[in-house]
Amino acid sequence: MSSITTADWVTNCVTTYDAARGTAQLSCEIMERLVEMHEIKIGRAADFCRRLGTLSDMSPTMFLITLRLGSGNVDAVRRSFSEMAEHRGLTRQALHFEWSQEVDKVRMVFPELAQLMADYRQSTDEPERGDSEEGR
């Protein structure tokens, strides 16, 4: 039979409470921003949430990339295909095909964002194209 002391119980509850508190604070901040969005244009926040949920169902990977891009982090979009190929063991062509299929999913939900992703992707690929053309 194991026994739990009062000191053990309090420590565990405080840790759990702190984690829940942090999550609650983050959730409150997100909801506050959604209220602001709603006040700027009625219905916009609900539409945004539905679209994010749809994208999450269609492609969890692109959902996360969309969140990162929306928060200003473009690294997930701008990584070169050759760099990504090294980590996944796929050819650049296979990654390019996979990427275009995933961006098509984003295009169904957020057309403007899909175009932005394509533009970032193209700006990343252009230096590689220039290097390969110089080597010819």
C-alpha atoms as a PDB file:
ATOM      1  CA  MET A   1       0.000   0.000   0.000  1.00  0.00           C
ATOM      2  CA  SER A   2       1.399   3.417  -0.905  1.00  0.00           C
ATOM      3  CA  SER A   3       0.780   6.520   1.074  1.00  0.00           C
ATOM      4  CA  ILE A   4       0.752  10.116  -0.074  1.00  0.00           C
ATOM      5  CA  THR A   5       1.723  12.825   2.336  1.00  0.00           C
ATOM      6  CA  THR A   6       0.041  16.192   2.481  1.00  0.00           C
ATOM      7  CA  ALA A   7       3.230  17.821   1.156  1.00  0.00           C
ATOM      8  CA  ASP A   8       3.173  15.594  -1.959  1.00  0.00           C
ATOM      9  CA  TRP A   9      -0.468  16.322  -2.600  1.00  0.00           C
ATOM     10  CA  VAL A  10      -0.084  20.105  -2.314  1.00  0.00           C
ATOM     11  CA  THR A  11       2.906  20.164  -4.665  1.00  0.00           C
ATOM     12  CA  ASN A  12       1.050  18.187  -7.317  1.00  0.00           C
ATOM     13  CA  CYS A  13      -2.051  20.354  -7.045  1.00  0.00           C
ATOM     14  CA  VAL A  14      -0.055  23.578  -7.350  1.00  0.00           C
ATOM     15  CA  THR A  15       1.750  22.298 -10.446  1.00  0.00           C
ATOM     16  CA  THR A  16      -1.509  21.232 -12.063  1.00  0.00           C
ATOM     17  CA  TYR A  17      -3.177  24.484 -11.099  1.00  0.00           C
ATOM     18  CA  ASP A  18      -0.322  26.568 -12.545  1.00  0.00           C
ATOM     19  CA  ALA A  19      -0.464  24.708 -15.850  1.00  0.00           C
ATOM     20  CA  ALA A  20      -4.225  25.097 -16.019  1.00  0.00           C
ATOM     21  CA  ARG A  21      -3.912  28.752 -15.136  1.00  0.00           C
ATOM     22  CA  GLY A  22      -1.432  29.345 -17.971  1.00  0.00           C
ATOM     23  CA  THR A  23      -3.703  27.591 -20.435  1.00  0.00           C
ATOM     24  CA  ALA A  24      -6.691  29.561 -19.170  1.00  0.00           C
ATOM     25  CA  GLN A  25      -4.787  32.839 -19.539  1.00  0.00           C
ATOM     26  CA  LEU A  26      -3.803  31.993 -23.109  1.00  0.00           C
ATOM     27  CA  SER A  27      -7.365  30.948 -23.951  1.00  0.00           C
ATOM     28  CA  CYS A  28      -8.679  34.210 -22.499  1.00  0.00           C
ATOM     29  CA  GLU A  29      -6.249  36.220 -24.585  1.00  0.00           C
ATOM     30  CA  ILE A  30      -7.290  34.394 -27.765  1.00  0.00           C
ATOM     31  CA  MET A  31     -10.962  34.926 -26.957  1.00  0.00           C
ATOM     32  CA  GLU A  32     -10.338  38.594 -26.245  1.00  0.00           C
ATOM     33  CA  ARG A  33      -8.787  38.978 -29.705  1.00  0.00           C
ATOM     34  CA  LEU A  34     -11.760  37.174 -31.264  1.00  0.00           C
ATOM     35  CA  VAL A  35     -14.131  39.609 -29.527  1.00  0.00           C
ATOM     36  CA  GLU A  36     -12.089  42.487 -30.980  1.00  0.00           C
ATOM     37  CA  MET A  37     -12.349  40.894 -34.415  1.00  0.00           C
ATOM     38  CA  HIS A  38     -16.102  40.501 -33.972  1.00  0.00           C
ATOM     39  CA  GLU A  39     -16.477  44.151 -32.967  1.00  0.00           C
ATOM     40  CA  ILE A  40     -14.566  45.305 -36.034  1.00  0.00           C
ATOM     41  CA  LYS A  41     -16.740  43.249 -38.363  1.00  0.00           C
ATOM     42  CA  ILE A  42     -19.664  41.237 -37.034  1.00  0.00           C
ATOM     43  CA  GLY A  43     -19.460  37.558 -37.955  1.00  0.00           C
ATOM     44  CA  ARG A  44     -15.819  37.706 -38.907  1.00  0.00           C
ATOM     45  CA  ALA A  45     -14.557  35.954 -35.756  1.00  0.00           C
ATOM     46  CA  ALA A  46     -17.022  33.071 -36.100  1.00  0.00           C
ATOM     47  CA  ASP A  47     -16.138  32.681 -39.770  1.00  0.00           C
ATOM     48  CA  PHE A  48     -12.444  32.697 -38.916  1.00  0.00           C
ATOM     49  CA  CYS A  49     -12.908  29.986 -36.257  1.00  0.00           C
ATOM     50  CA  ARG A  50     -14.930  27.814 -38.662  1.00  0.00           C
ATOM     51  CA  ARG A  51     -12.297  28.181 -41.368  1.00  0.00           C
ATOM     52  CA  LEU A  52      -9.475  27.305 -38.972  1.00  0.00           C
ATOM     53  CA  GLY A  53     -11.417  24.248 -37.787  1.00  0.00           C
ATOM     54  CA  THR A  54     -12.005  23.135 -41.367  1.00  0.00           C
ATOM     55  CA  LEU A  55      -8.322  23.502 -42.186  1.00  0.00           C
ATOM     56  CA  SER A  56      -7.396  21.561 -39.055  1.00  0.00           C
ATOM     57  CA  ASP A  57      -9.633  18.689 -40.190  1.00  0.00           C
ATOM     58  CA  MET A  58      -8.245  18.763 -43.746  1.00  0.00           C
ATOM     59  CA  SER A  59      -4.568  19.074 -42.849  1.00  0.00           C
ATOM     60  CA  PRO A  60      -3.252  19.268 -39.287  1.00  0.00           C
ATOM     61  CA  THR A  61       0.188  20.126 -40.698  1.00  0.00           C
ATOM     62  CA  MET A  62      -1.057  23.104 -42.687  1.00  0.00           C
ATOM     63  CA  PHE A  63      -3.191  24.192 -39.730  1.00  0.00           C
ATOM     64  CA  LEU A  64      -0.027  24.529 -37.646  1.00  0.00           C
ATOM     65  CA  ILE A  65       1.891  26.197 -40.480  1.00  0.00           C
ATOM     66  CA  THR A  66      -1.016  28.629 -40.911  1.00  0.00           C
ATOM     67  CA  LEU A  67      -0.939  29.494 -37.216  1.00  0.00           C
ATOM     68  CA  ARG A  68       2.821  30.017 -37.344  1.00  0.00           C
ATOM     69  CA  LEU A  69       2.598  32.123 -40.482  1.00  0.00           C
ATOM     70  CA  GLY A  70      -0.231  34.143 -38.973  1.00  0.00           C
ATOM     71  CA  SER A  71       1.892  34.858 -35.919  1.00  0.00           C
ATOM     72  CA  GLY A  72       4.721  36.152 -38.108  1.00  0.00           C
ATOM     73  CA  ASN A  73       6.923  33.053 -38.253  1.00  0.00           C
ATOM     74  CA  VAL A  74       7.637  32.328 -41.931  1.00  0.00           C
ATOM     75  CA  ASP A  75      10.381  29.749 -41.363  1.00  0.00           C
ATOM     76  CA  ALA A  76       8.062  26.760 -41.933  1.00  0.00           C
ATOM     77  CA  VAL A  77       7.121  28.137 -45.347  1.00  0.00           C
ATOM     78  CA  ARG A  78      10.535  29.456 -46.372  1.00  0.00           C
ATOM     79  CA  ARG A  79      12.623  26.371 -45.619  1.00  0.00           C
ATOM     80  CA  SER A  80      14.202  25.160 -48.833  1.00  0.00           C
ATOM     81  CA  PHE A  81      13.051  21.903 -50.355  1.00  0.00           C
ATOM     82  CA  SER A  82      16.605  20.541 -50.370  1.00  0.00           C
ATOM     83  CA  GLU A  83      16.866  21.196 -46.616  1.00  0.00           C
ATOM     84  CA  MET A  84      13.489  19.538 -46.032  1.00  0.00           C
ATOM     85  CA  ALA A  85      14.473  16.597 -48.263  1.00  0.00           C
ATOM     86  CA  GLU A  86      17.535  15.906 -46.102  1.00  0.00           C
ATOM     87  CA  HIS A  87      15.358  15.514 -43.004  1.00  0.00           C
ATOM     88  CA  ARG A  88      12.602  13.435 -44.633  1.00  0.00           C
ATOM     89  CA  GLY A  89      14.535  11.328 -47.117  1.00  0.00           C
ATOM     90  CA  LEU A  90      12.457  12.488 -50.081  1.00  0.00           C
ATOM     91  CA  THR A  91      13.489  14.148 -53.325  1.00  0.00           C
ATOM     92  CA  ARG A  92      12.939  17.854 -53.811  1.00  0.00           C
ATOM     93  CA  GLN A  93      10.421  17.014 -56.541  1.00  0.00           C
ATOM     94  CA  ALA A  94       8.420  14.769 -54.179  1.00  0.00           C
ATOM     95  CA  LEU A  95       8.400  17.480 -51.529  1.00  0.00           C
ATOM     96  CA  HIS A  96       7.352  20.073 -54.090  1.00  0.00           C
ATOM     97  CA  PHE A  97       4.411  17.882 -55.156  1.00  0.00           C
ATOM     98  CA  GLU A  98       3.432  17.194 -51.535  1.00  0.00           C
ATOM     99  CA  TRP A  99       3.685  20.904 -50.693  1.00  0.00           C
ATOM    100  CA  SER A 100       1.488  21.944 -53.626  1.00  0.00           C
ATOM    101  CA  GLN A 101      -1.182  19.423 -52.566  1.00  0.00           C
ATOM    102  CA  GLU A 102      -1.129  20.784 -49.020  1.00  0.00           C
ATOM    103  CA  VAL A 103      -1.302  24.400 -50.221  1.00  0.00           C
ATOM    104  CA  ASP A 104      -4.332  23.447 -52.338  1.00  0.00           C
ATOM    105  CA  LYS A 105      -6.069  22.458 -49.079  1.00  0.00           C
ATOM    106  CA  VAL A 106      -5.266  25.868 -47.632  1.00  0.00           C
ATOM    107  CA  ARG A 107      -6.499  27.501 -50.859  1.00  0.00           C
ATOM    108  CA  MET A 108      -9.962  25.973 -50.332  1.00  0.00           C
ATOM    109  CA  VAL A 109     -10.265  27.640 -46.922  1.00  0.00           C
ATOM    110  CA  PHE A 110      -7.954  30.694 -47.053  1.00  0.00           C
ATOM    111  CA  PRO A 111      -7.294  31.579 -50.726  1.00  0.00           C
ATOM    112  CA  GLU A 112      -5.304  34.726 -49.933  1.00  0.00           C
ATOM    113  CA  LEU A 113      -3.115  32.896 -47.452  1.00  0.00           C
ATOM    114  CA  ALA A 114      -2.429  30.123 -49.963  1.00  0.00           C
ATOM    115  CA  GLN A 115      -1.208  32.746 -52.433  1.00  0.00           C
ATOM    116  CA  LEU A 116       1.028  34.255 -49.764  1.00  0.00           C
ATOM    117  CA  MET A 117       2.472  30.808 -49.042  1.00  0.00           C
ATOM    118  CA  ALA A 118       3.126  30.280 -52.754  1.00  0.00           C
ATOM    119  CA  ASP A 119       4.855  33.673 -52.961  1.00  0.00           C
ATOM    120  CA  TYR A 120       7.073  32.869 -49.955  1.00  0.00           C
ATOM    121  CA  ARG A 121       7.837  29.478 -51.426  1.00  0.00           C
ATOM    122  CA  GLN A 122       8.762  30.990 -54.786  1.00  0.00           C
ATOM    123  CA  SER A 123      11.032  33.591 -53.184  1.00  0.00           C
ATOM    124  CA  THR A 124      12.803  30.761 -51.367  1.00  0.00           C
ATOM    125  CA  ASP A 125      13.210  28.632 -54.497  1.00  0.00           C
ATOM    126  CA  GLU A 126      14.440  31.413 -56.789  1.00  0.00           C
ATOM    127  CA  PRO A 127      17.966  31.600 -55.296  1.00  0.00           C
ATOM    128  CA  GLU A 128      18.273  27.812 -55.700  1.00  0.00           C
ATOM    129  CA  ARG A 129      17.175  28.080 -59.333  1.00  0.00           C
ATOM    130  CA  GLY A 130      19.784  30.773 -59.914  1.00  0.00           C
ATOM    131  CA  ASP A 131      22.536  28.629 -58.376  1.00  0.00           C
ATOM    132  CA  SER A 132      21.609  25.603 -60.496  1.00  0.00           C
ATOM    133  CA  GLU A 133      21.475  27.717 -63.676  1.00  0.00           C
ATOM    134  CA  GLU A 134      24.949  29.161 -62.976  1.00  0.00           C
ATOM    135  CA  GLY A 135      26.367  25.642 -62.679  1.00  0.00           C
ATOM    136  CA  ARG A 136      25.188  24.683 -66.165  1.00  0.00           C
END
